[in-house]
Amino acid sequence: MDLILAIRNIASAIEQSVETKSDANWKAAVASAGLVTTGDTGQTSIDERFERAFGPATLRFQHKWWDTSKTFSPGPDRTKLTLALLYGDKVLSEYNGTYDT
C-alpha cells in the first residue's frame, strides 16, 4: 500500500471509529496499511503507537485510552486517535479523532 492510500484509509477509519465509538475500524485500517506496533507505554491507561516508514517519511498512528472518572465523580472512558505524517522528527500533517464510551 502506498503512503497516500494508507493516509486516506486510516483517516477514514478514524472518522468511522468516532462515529461508531468502536476500535474495530481503525484497527483494521492500521493493520491493512502495514503499520507495526512500537508498544504500549500506558500504566493505568492505553498509549500505543504503530509506525511504518515510507522512504524518508514515517506514518505514525497513536491510540490513547483513559478513564476520566474521579473520586465520587464517574466519567466516561475516552479514546483519542492520532494519525501523523513525519519527516524525521518534524510533524508535517496530523489528523485526530476523539470519542467517549
N, C-alpha and C. Protein backbone atom coordinates (compact mmCIF):
# COMPACT_ATOMS: atom_id res chain seq x y z
N MET A 1 0.86 -1.18 0.00
CA MET A 1 0.00 0.00 0.00
C MET A 1 0.89 1.23 0.00
N ASP A 2 0.56 2.21 -0.85
CA ASP A 2 1.37 3.42 -0.89
C ASP A 2 0.95 4.39 0.22
N LEU A 3 1.77 5.40 0.44
CA LEU A 3 1.59 6.34 1.54
C LEU A 3 0.24 7.08 1.47
N ILE A 4 -0.10 7.62 0.32
CA ILE A 4 -1.34 8.40 0.19
C ILE A 4 -2.56 7.53 0.47
N LEU A 5 -2.57 6.33 -0.05
CA LEU A 5 -3.68 5.41 0.19
C LEU A 5 -3.76 5.03 1.67
N ALA A 6 -2.63 4.81 2.30
CA ALA A 6 -2.61 4.48 3.73
C ALA A 6 -3.19 5.63 4.56
N ILE A 7 -2.79 6.86 4.24
CA ILE A 7 -3.30 8.03 4.97
C ILE A 7 -4.82 8.14 4.79
N ARG A 8 -5.29 8.02 3.56
CA ARG A 8 -6.73 8.13 3.30
C ARG A 8 -7.52 7.05 4.03
N ASN A 9 -7.03 5.80 3.97
CA ASN A 9 -7.76 4.70 4.61
C ASN A 9 -7.80 4.84 6.12
N ILE A 10 -6.68 5.21 6.72
CA ILE A 10 -6.64 5.35 8.18
C ILE A 10 -7.45 6.55 8.64
N ALA A 11 -7.37 7.67 7.93
CA ALA A 11 -8.17 8.85 8.28
C ALA A 11 -9.66 8.53 8.19
N SER A 12 -10.06 7.82 7.17
CA SER A 12 -11.47 7.41 7.03
C SER A 12 -11.86 6.48 8.17
N ALA A 13 -10.98 5.58 8.54
CA ALA A 13 -11.26 4.66 9.65
C ALA A 13 -11.37 5.39 10.98
N ILE A 14 -10.58 6.45 11.16
CA ILE A 14 -10.70 7.26 12.38
C ILE A 14 -12.10 7.87 12.44
N GLU A 15 -12.56 8.44 11.33
CA GLU A 15 -13.90 9.02 11.28
C GLU A 15 -14.97 7.98 11.60
N GLN A 16 -14.85 6.79 11.03
CA GLN A 16 -15.81 5.72 11.28
C GLN A 16 -15.77 5.27 12.74
N SER A 17 -14.58 5.18 13.31
CA SER A 17 -14.45 4.78 14.72
C SER A 17 -15.08 5.80 15.65
N VAL A 18 -14.90 7.09 15.34
CA VAL A 18 -15.51 8.15 16.15
C VAL A 18 -17.04 8.06 16.04
N GLU A 19 -17.53 7.85 14.84
CA GLU A 19 -18.98 7.77 14.61
C GLU A 19 -19.60 6.57 15.32
N THR A 20 -18.94 5.42 15.25
CA THR A 20 -19.49 4.20 15.83
C THR A 20 -19.01 3.94 17.25
N LYS A 21 -18.06 4.74 17.73
CA LYS A 21 -17.46 4.58 19.06
C LYS A 21 -16.92 3.16 19.23
N SER A 22 -16.15 2.74 18.22
CA SER A 22 -15.61 1.39 18.19
C SER A 22 -14.17 1.41 17.67
N ASP A 23 -13.35 0.51 18.20
CA ASP A 23 -11.96 0.40 17.77
C ASP A 23 -11.79 -0.44 16.51
N ALA A 24 -12.81 -1.15 16.09
CA ALA A 24 -12.68 -2.12 15.00
C ALA A 24 -12.19 -1.50 13.70
N ASN A 25 -12.70 -0.34 13.33
CA ASN A 25 -12.34 0.28 12.04
C ASN A 25 -10.88 0.71 11.99
N TRP A 26 -10.41 1.42 13.01
CA TRP A 26 -9.03 1.88 12.97
C TRP A 26 -8.06 0.70 13.06
N LYS A 27 -8.40 -0.33 13.84
CA LYS A 27 -7.50 -1.49 13.97
C LYS A 27 -7.32 -2.17 12.62
N ALA A 28 -8.41 -2.34 11.88
CA ALA A 28 -8.33 -2.98 10.56
C ALA A 28 -7.52 -2.13 9.58
N ALA A 29 -7.73 -0.82 9.59
CA ALA A 29 -7.02 0.07 8.66
C ALA A 29 -5.53 0.13 8.96
N VAL A 30 -5.17 0.18 10.22
CA VAL A 30 -3.76 0.23 10.62
C VAL A 30 -3.06 -1.07 10.21
N ALA A 31 -3.70 -2.20 10.44
CA ALA A 31 -3.12 -3.49 10.05
C ALA A 31 -2.99 -3.59 8.54
N SER A 32 -4.02 -3.16 7.81
CA SER A 32 -4.02 -3.22 6.35
C SER A 32 -2.91 -2.37 5.75
N ALA A 33 -2.59 -1.25 6.40
CA ALA A 33 -1.55 -0.35 5.90
C ALA A 33 -0.14 -0.83 6.27
N GLY A 34 -0.06 -1.89 7.06
CA GLY A 34 1.24 -2.45 7.41
C GLY A 34 1.98 -1.73 8.52
N LEU A 35 1.26 -0.93 9.32
CA LEU A 35 1.91 -0.27 10.44
C LEU A 35 2.17 -1.31 11.53
N VAL A 36 3.30 -1.19 12.20
CA VAL A 36 3.73 -2.15 13.20
C VAL A 36 3.75 -1.48 14.57
N THR A 37 3.31 -2.20 15.58
CA THR A 37 3.26 -1.63 16.93
C THR A 37 4.65 -1.38 17.47
N THR A 38 4.78 -0.26 18.18
CA THR A 38 6.02 0.04 18.89
C THR A 38 5.82 -0.14 20.39
N GLY A 39 4.64 -0.65 20.78
CA GLY A 39 4.38 -0.95 22.18
C GLY A 39 3.40 -0.01 22.84
N ASP A 40 3.01 -0.41 24.04
CA ASP A 40 2.06 0.34 24.87
C ASP A 40 2.82 0.88 26.06
N THR A 41 2.84 2.21 26.22
CA THR A 41 3.57 2.82 27.33
C THR A 41 2.66 3.24 28.48
N GLY A 42 1.35 2.95 28.37
CA GLY A 42 0.41 3.35 29.42
C GLY A 42 0.55 2.50 30.67
N GLN A 43 0.42 3.11 31.82
CA GLN A 43 0.45 2.40 33.10
C GLN A 43 -0.97 2.01 33.52
N THR A 44 -1.83 3.00 33.70
CA THR A 44 -3.23 2.76 34.07
C THR A 44 -4.15 3.14 32.92
N SER A 45 -3.58 3.30 31.76
CA SER A 45 -4.30 3.68 30.56
C SER A 45 -3.68 2.92 29.39
N ILE A 46 -4.12 3.22 28.19
CA ILE A 46 -3.51 2.66 26.99
C ILE A 46 -2.88 3.80 26.21
N ASP A 47 -1.64 3.63 25.82
CA ASP A 47 -0.93 4.61 24.99
C ASP A 47 -0.04 3.80 24.06
N GLU A 48 -0.60 3.42 22.92
CA GLU A 48 0.15 2.58 21.99
C GLU A 48 0.35 3.28 20.66
N ARG A 49 1.49 2.97 20.03
CA ARG A 49 1.84 3.57 18.74
C ARG A 49 2.09 2.48 17.71
N PHE A 50 1.77 2.83 16.48
CA PHE A 50 2.03 1.97 15.33
C PHE A 50 2.73 2.83 14.30
N GLU A 51 3.76 2.29 13.64
CA GLU A 51 4.51 3.09 12.68
C GLU A 51 4.89 2.28 11.45
N ARG A 52 5.13 3.01 10.37
CA ARG A 52 5.68 2.41 9.16
C ARG A 52 6.44 3.49 8.40
N ALA A 53 7.62 3.14 7.93
CA ALA A 53 8.42 4.06 7.13
C ALA A 53 8.02 3.95 5.67
N PHE A 54 7.91 5.10 5.04
CA PHE A 54 7.68 5.20 3.59
C PHE A 54 8.81 6.05 3.05
N GLY A 55 9.93 5.42 2.72
CA GLY A 55 11.11 6.18 2.31
C GLY A 55 11.57 7.03 3.48
N PRO A 56 11.79 8.33 3.27
CA PRO A 56 12.25 9.20 4.36
C PRO A 56 11.12 9.63 5.30
N ALA A 57 9.88 9.33 4.95
CA ALA A 57 8.73 9.73 5.77
C ALA A 57 8.29 8.56 6.65
N THR A 58 7.65 8.90 7.77
CA THR A 58 7.10 7.90 8.69
C THR A 58 5.64 8.22 8.92
N LEU A 59 4.80 7.19 8.84
CA LEU A 59 3.40 7.33 9.17
C LEU A 59 3.23 6.73 10.56
N ARG A 60 2.72 7.54 11.49
CA ARG A 60 2.56 7.11 12.88
C ARG A 60 1.09 7.22 13.28
N PHE A 61 0.59 6.17 13.90
CA PHE A 61 -0.77 6.15 14.44
C PHE A 61 -0.65 5.95 15.94
N GLN A 62 -1.36 6.78 16.71
CA GLN A 62 -1.33 6.66 18.17
C GLN A 62 -2.75 6.46 18.69
N HIS A 63 -2.90 5.47 19.55
CA HIS A 63 -4.18 5.16 20.19
C HIS A 63 -4.01 5.36 21.69
N LYS A 64 -4.79 6.30 22.23
CA LYS A 64 -4.78 6.54 23.67
C LYS A 64 -6.17 6.28 24.22
N TRP A 65 -6.21 5.64 25.38
CA TRP A 65 -7.48 5.39 26.07
C TRP A 65 -7.24 5.63 27.56
N TRP A 66 -8.20 6.32 28.20
CA TRP A 66 -8.11 6.52 29.64
C TRP A 66 -9.50 6.72 30.22
N ASP A 67 -9.59 6.46 31.52
CA ASP A 67 -10.83 6.62 32.28
C ASP A 67 -10.84 8.04 32.84
N THR A 68 -11.88 8.80 32.55
CA THR A 68 -11.94 10.19 33.00
C THR A 68 -12.57 10.34 34.39
N SER A 69 -12.94 9.22 35.01
CA SER A 69 -13.59 9.26 36.33
C SER A 69 -12.64 9.82 37.39
N LYS A 70 -13.23 10.50 38.34
CA LYS A 70 -12.52 10.99 39.53
C LYS A 70 -13.24 10.41 40.76
N THR A 71 -12.67 10.57 41.92
CA THR A 71 -13.29 10.09 43.14
C THR A 71 -14.67 10.69 43.30
N PHE A 72 -15.68 9.84 43.49
CA PHE A 72 -17.08 10.22 43.65
C PHE A 72 -17.65 10.99 42.44
N SER A 73 -16.99 10.87 41.31
CA SER A 73 -17.45 11.56 40.11
C SER A 73 -17.17 10.67 38.89
N PRO A 74 -18.10 9.74 38.61
CA PRO A 74 -17.87 8.85 37.47
C PRO A 74 -17.85 9.63 36.15
N GLY A 75 -17.01 9.18 35.26
CA GLY A 75 -16.92 9.80 33.94
C GLY A 75 -16.75 8.73 32.87
N PRO A 76 -16.84 9.13 31.63
CA PRO A 76 -16.72 8.15 30.54
C PRO A 76 -15.26 7.74 30.30
N ASP A 77 -15.10 6.64 29.60
CA ASP A 77 -13.79 6.27 29.08
C ASP A 77 -13.57 7.10 27.81
N ARG A 78 -12.37 7.62 27.63
CA ARG A 78 -12.09 8.47 26.48
C ARG A 78 -11.04 7.81 25.60
N THR A 79 -11.26 7.87 24.30
CA THR A 79 -10.32 7.34 23.31
C THR A 79 -9.91 8.47 22.39
N LYS A 80 -8.59 8.62 22.19
CA LYS A 80 -8.07 9.61 21.25
C LYS A 80 -7.22 8.89 20.22
N LEU A 81 -7.50 9.16 18.95
CA LEU A 81 -6.79 8.55 17.83
C LEU A 81 -6.06 9.65 17.06
N THR A 82 -4.78 9.46 16.80
CA THR A 82 -3.99 10.46 16.09
C THR A 82 -3.18 9.80 14.98
N LEU A 83 -3.30 10.34 13.79
CA LEU A 83 -2.51 9.91 12.65
C LEU A 83 -1.58 11.05 12.29
N ALA A 84 -0.28 10.77 12.22
CA ALA A 84 0.70 11.82 11.93
C ALA A 84 1.64 11.37 10.82
N LEU A 85 1.97 12.31 9.94
CA LEU A 85 2.97 12.11 8.92
C LEU A 85 4.21 12.88 9.35
N LEU A 86 5.32 12.17 9.49
CA LEU A 86 6.56 12.78 9.96
C LEU A 86 7.66 12.69 8.92
N TYR A 87 8.50 13.69 8.92
CA TYR A 87 9.73 13.67 8.14
C TYR A 87 10.83 13.91 9.15
N GLY A 88 11.56 12.86 9.51
CA GLY A 88 12.49 12.95 10.63
C GLY A 88 11.67 13.11 11.90
N ASP A 89 11.98 14.11 12.70
CA ASP A 89 11.23 14.40 13.92
C ASP A 89 10.15 15.44 13.71
N LYS A 90 10.04 15.98 12.51
CA LYS A 90 9.10 17.06 12.23
C LYS A 90 7.75 16.50 11.76
N VAL A 91 6.67 16.96 12.42
CA VAL A 91 5.32 16.55 12.03
C VAL A 91 4.88 17.43 10.86
N LEU A 92 4.62 16.79 9.72
CA LEU A 92 4.18 17.53 8.54
C LEU A 92 2.67 17.70 8.50
N SER A 93 1.96 16.70 9.00
CA SER A 93 0.50 16.72 8.98
C SER A 93 -0.03 15.82 10.08
N GLU A 94 -1.21 16.17 10.61
CA GLU A 94 -1.79 15.38 11.70
C GLU A 94 -3.30 15.38 11.58
N TYR A 95 -3.90 14.25 11.90
CA TYR A 95 -5.36 14.10 11.88
C TYR A 95 -5.77 13.41 13.17
N ASN A 96 -6.81 13.95 13.86
CA ASN A 96 -7.23 13.42 15.16
C ASN A 96 -8.71 13.08 15.19
N GLY A 97 -9.05 12.21 16.09
CA GLY A 97 -10.44 11.89 16.40
C GLY A 97 -10.53 11.46 17.84
N THR A 98 -11.61 11.85 18.53
CA THR A 98 -11.80 11.50 19.93
C THR A 98 -13.25 11.07 20.15
N TYR A 99 -13.42 10.06 21.00
CA TYR A 99 -14.77 9.67 21.38
C TYR A 99 -14.81 9.13 22.80
N ASP A 100 -15.97 9.26 23.42
CA ASP A 100 -16.21 8.77 24.78
C ASP A 100 -17.14 7.56 24.73
N THR A 101 -16.89 6.61 25.62
CA THR A 101 -17.77 5.45 25.73
C THR A 101 -18.18 5.24 27.17
